[in-house]
Every structure is written in C-alpha cells, then in structure tokens.
Amino acid sequence: MSKANGNFVWKDSVDLKEYFEVILRELRVDCNEKVESLEDKINQRFNLKDQALDTANRSMDSRLEGMNEFRASLSDASKTFMTRDIYEAKHDLIQKQVDDLRMLAAENKGKASQTSVIIAYIISFIGIIMGMIDYLR
C-alpha cells in the first residue's frame, strides 16, 4: 500500500517501514481513543464524587443546624429551671402553709358555729320557761 496523490494505491508488496508506520499510526489512534475514554470515565467519577460530597455536606449542615436549634432550646429551657435549694425552701414553706390550713379546718370542725350556739340557747330557754310553767301549775 502506498500513497499517491493522497489516495491509496494497492501494490503487490509493502515495505516493512511502511507497514510498521501504518500499524503504529493505528495503535496511536486506538490508544488515544482509549485514553480519552478513560479520561471521560475518570472525570465522570470525580463529578459524581463531588456531587456525593456536596449532598453529604448539605445533609450534615442541616443536621447540625437542627442540633444547634435543639441546644438553644435546651439552653432557654434551663434558664427557667430552679435549683434544688430554692425548690426545697419553697416546698417547705408551701408544706407548712398546707399544714396550717389543715389545722385550721380541724379546729373549725371541732368548734360550734355561732348560730348553732344561739339556737341551742333559744331551745334551752324555751325548755326552762316550759318547765317553770309546768311547775307553777
């Protein structure tokens, strides 16, 4: 095979040099195609890896943001809590007031009311008068 005016012309024989040049040219073209294909695949993998990292970073950021909000709400809530000492002091005071109220209620149950005392006096006075009337008769 030889090149004549840009066209290939078939010959009965081929020079060894020409044969190797054609084979090397074809090998170069084939290698270049494979290298380009590998570069494309590697670039795709790097792009996919970058996308996965971006997605993971966004997910991590949203989780950390949620954790920060939770931490802030715990901090706000802890500001409204009272210490054990304050609780015990206030609880003891309230317990004493409840005990005082119970004692007052018990005393009131044991005492007669003023109206019941007046009614008892009236009934006894009527009884004394009836007894005197019956005795005088």
Protein backbone atom coordinates (compact mmCIF):
# COMPACT_ATOMS: atom_id res chain seq x y z
CA MET A 1 0.00 0.00 0.00
CA SER A 2 1.47 3.36 -0.91
CA LYS A 3 0.17 6.86 -1.00
CA ALA A 4 -0.02 8.50 -4.36
CA ASN A 5 -1.57 11.95 -4.68
CA GLY A 6 -3.46 11.50 -1.37
CA ASN A 7 -5.06 8.22 -2.46
CA PHE A 8 -4.03 4.77 -1.52
CA VAL A 9 -2.88 2.53 -4.29
CA TRP A 10 -2.69 -1.21 -3.83
CA LYS A 11 0.62 -2.84 -4.55
CA ASP A 12 1.67 -6.41 -4.54
CA SER A 13 4.20 -5.80 -1.84
CA VAL A 14 4.53 -3.45 1.12
CA ASP A 15 7.70 -2.04 2.59
CA LEU A 16 8.42 -3.11 6.12
CA LYS A 17 8.86 0.51 7.18
CA GLU A 18 5.52 1.50 5.65
CA TYR A 19 3.82 -1.49 7.29
CA PHE A 20 5.10 -0.52 10.75
CA GLU A 21 4.19 3.12 10.24
CA VAL A 22 0.60 2.18 9.42
CA ILE A 23 0.35 -0.18 12.39
CA LEU A 24 1.90 2.37 14.75
CA ARG A 25 -0.45 5.07 13.46
CA GLU A 26 -3.45 2.80 14.07
CA LEU A 27 -2.14 1.90 17.53
CA ARG A 28 -1.69 5.58 18.37
CA VAL A 29 -5.21 6.39 17.25
CA ASP A 30 -6.57 3.41 19.21
CA CYS A 31 -4.55 4.36 22.32
CA ASN A 32 -5.64 8.00 22.06
CA GLU A 33 -9.29 6.90 21.85
CA LYS A 34 -8.88 4.66 24.90
CA VAL A 35 -7.09 7.38 26.85
CA GLU A 36 -9.87 9.87 26.02
CA SER A 37 -12.48 7.30 27.06
CA LEU A 38 -10.66 6.67 30.34
CA GLU A 39 -10.34 10.42 30.94
CA ASP A 40 -14.09 10.81 30.41
CA LYS A 41 -14.85 7.98 32.84
CA ILE A 42 -12.45 9.38 35.43
CA ASN A 43 -13.96 12.86 35.07
CA GLN A 44 -17.46 11.37 35.47
CA ARG A 45 -16.39 9.58 38.63
CA PHE A 46 -14.83 12.74 40.04
CA ASN A 47 -18.01 14.67 39.23
CA LEU A 48 -20.17 12.01 40.90
CA LYS A 49 -17.85 12.02 43.92
CA ASP A 50 -18.11 15.81 44.15
CA GLN A 51 -21.90 15.62 43.92
CA ALA A 52 -21.99 12.98 46.66
CA LEU A 53 -19.75 15.14 48.87
CA ASP A 54 -21.96 18.18 48.28
CA THR A 55 -25.06 16.17 49.16
CA ALA A 56 -23.39 14.78 52.30
CA ASN A 57 -22.25 18.27 53.32
CA ARG A 58 -25.75 19.70 52.88
CA SER A 59 -27.19 16.83 54.91
CA MET A 60 -24.60 17.32 57.64
CA ASP A 61 -25.25 21.07 57.70
CA SER A 62 -28.99 20.56 58.10
CA ARG A 63 -28.45 18.03 60.90
CA LEU A 64 -26.00 20.34 62.68
CA GLU A 65 -28.44 23.22 62.30
CA GLY A 66 -31.17 21.09 63.88
CA MET A 67 -28.82 20.13 66.70
CA ASN A 68 -27.93 23.79 67.29
CA GLU A 69 -31.63 24.70 67.47
CA PHE A 70 -32.19 21.87 69.96
CA ARG A 71 -29.21 23.00 72.04
CA ALA A 72 -30.53 26.58 72.03
CA SER A 73 -33.99 25.44 73.14
CA LEU A 74 -32.42 23.40 75.97
CA SER A 75 -30.40 26.43 76.99
CA ASP A 76 -33.53 28.60 77.00
CA ALA A 77 -35.43 26.00 79.00
CA SER A 78 -32.65 25.59 81.53
CA LYS A 79 -32.84 29.31 82.31
CA THR A 80 -36.36 28.80 83.67
CA PHE A 81 -35.42 25.89 85.94
CA MET A 82 -34.93 26.46 89.65
CA THR A 83 -32.18 24.99 91.76
CA ARG A 84 -32.81 22.21 94.26
CA ASP A 85 -32.13 24.56 97.19
CA ILE A 86 -34.74 27.06 96.02
CA TYR A 87 -37.23 24.25 95.37
CA GLU A 88 -36.75 22.75 98.83
CA ALA A 89 -37.10 26.14 100.53
CA LYS A 90 -40.30 26.98 98.63
CA HIS A 91 -41.66 23.45 99.06
CA ASP A 92 -41.11 23.55 102.82
CA LEU A 93 -42.90 26.91 103.01
CA ILE A 94 -45.87 25.62 101.00
CA GLN A 95 -45.99 22.41 103.07
CA LYS A 96 -46.11 24.50 106.28
CA GLN A 97 -48.97 26.59 104.86
CA VAL A 98 -50.91 23.44 103.89
CA ASP A 99 -50.41 22.01 107.39
CA ASP A 100 -51.64 25.29 108.92
CA LEU A 101 -54.75 25.17 106.71
CA ARG A 102 -55.44 21.58 107.76
CA MET A 103 -55.12 22.53 111.42
CA LEU A 104 -57.48 25.49 110.94
CA ALA A 105 -60.02 23.26 109.17
CA ALA A 106 -59.81 20.72 112.01
CA GLU A 107 -60.32 23.47 114.60
CA ASN A 108 -63.33 24.81 112.71
CA LYS A 109 -64.89 21.35 112.55
CA GLY A 110 -64.44 20.98 116.30
CA LYS A 111 -65.95 24.36 117.15
CA ALA A 112 -69.65 25.01 117.14
CA SER A 113 -70.79 27.79 114.92
CA GLN A 114 -72.32 30.93 116.47
CA THR A 115 -75.75 30.26 115.00
CA SER A 116 -75.87 26.74 116.41
CA VAL A 117 -74.94 28.11 119.85
CA ILE A 118 -77.72 30.75 119.66
CA ILE A 119 -80.23 28.10 118.55
CA ALA A 120 -79.19 25.90 121.48
CA TYR A 121 -79.64 28.84 123.90
CA ILE A 122 -83.09 29.59 122.48
CA ILE A 123 -84.20 25.96 122.75
CA SER A 124 -82.89 25.66 126.30
CA PHE A 125 -84.54 28.95 127.28
CA ILE A 126 -87.85 27.73 125.84
CA GLY A 127 -87.38 24.46 127.74
CA ILE A 128 -86.73 26.31 131.01
CA ILE A 129 -89.79 28.51 130.52
CA MET A 130 -91.96 25.46 129.75
CA GLY A 131 -90.57 23.73 132.79
CA MET A 132 -91.38 26.72 135.01
CA ILE A 133 -94.88 26.99 133.59
CA ASP A 134 -95.47 23.31 134.23
CA TYR A 135 -94.07 23.61 137.73
CA LEU A 136 -96.23 26.58 138.56
CA ARG A 137 -99.40 24.94 137.51
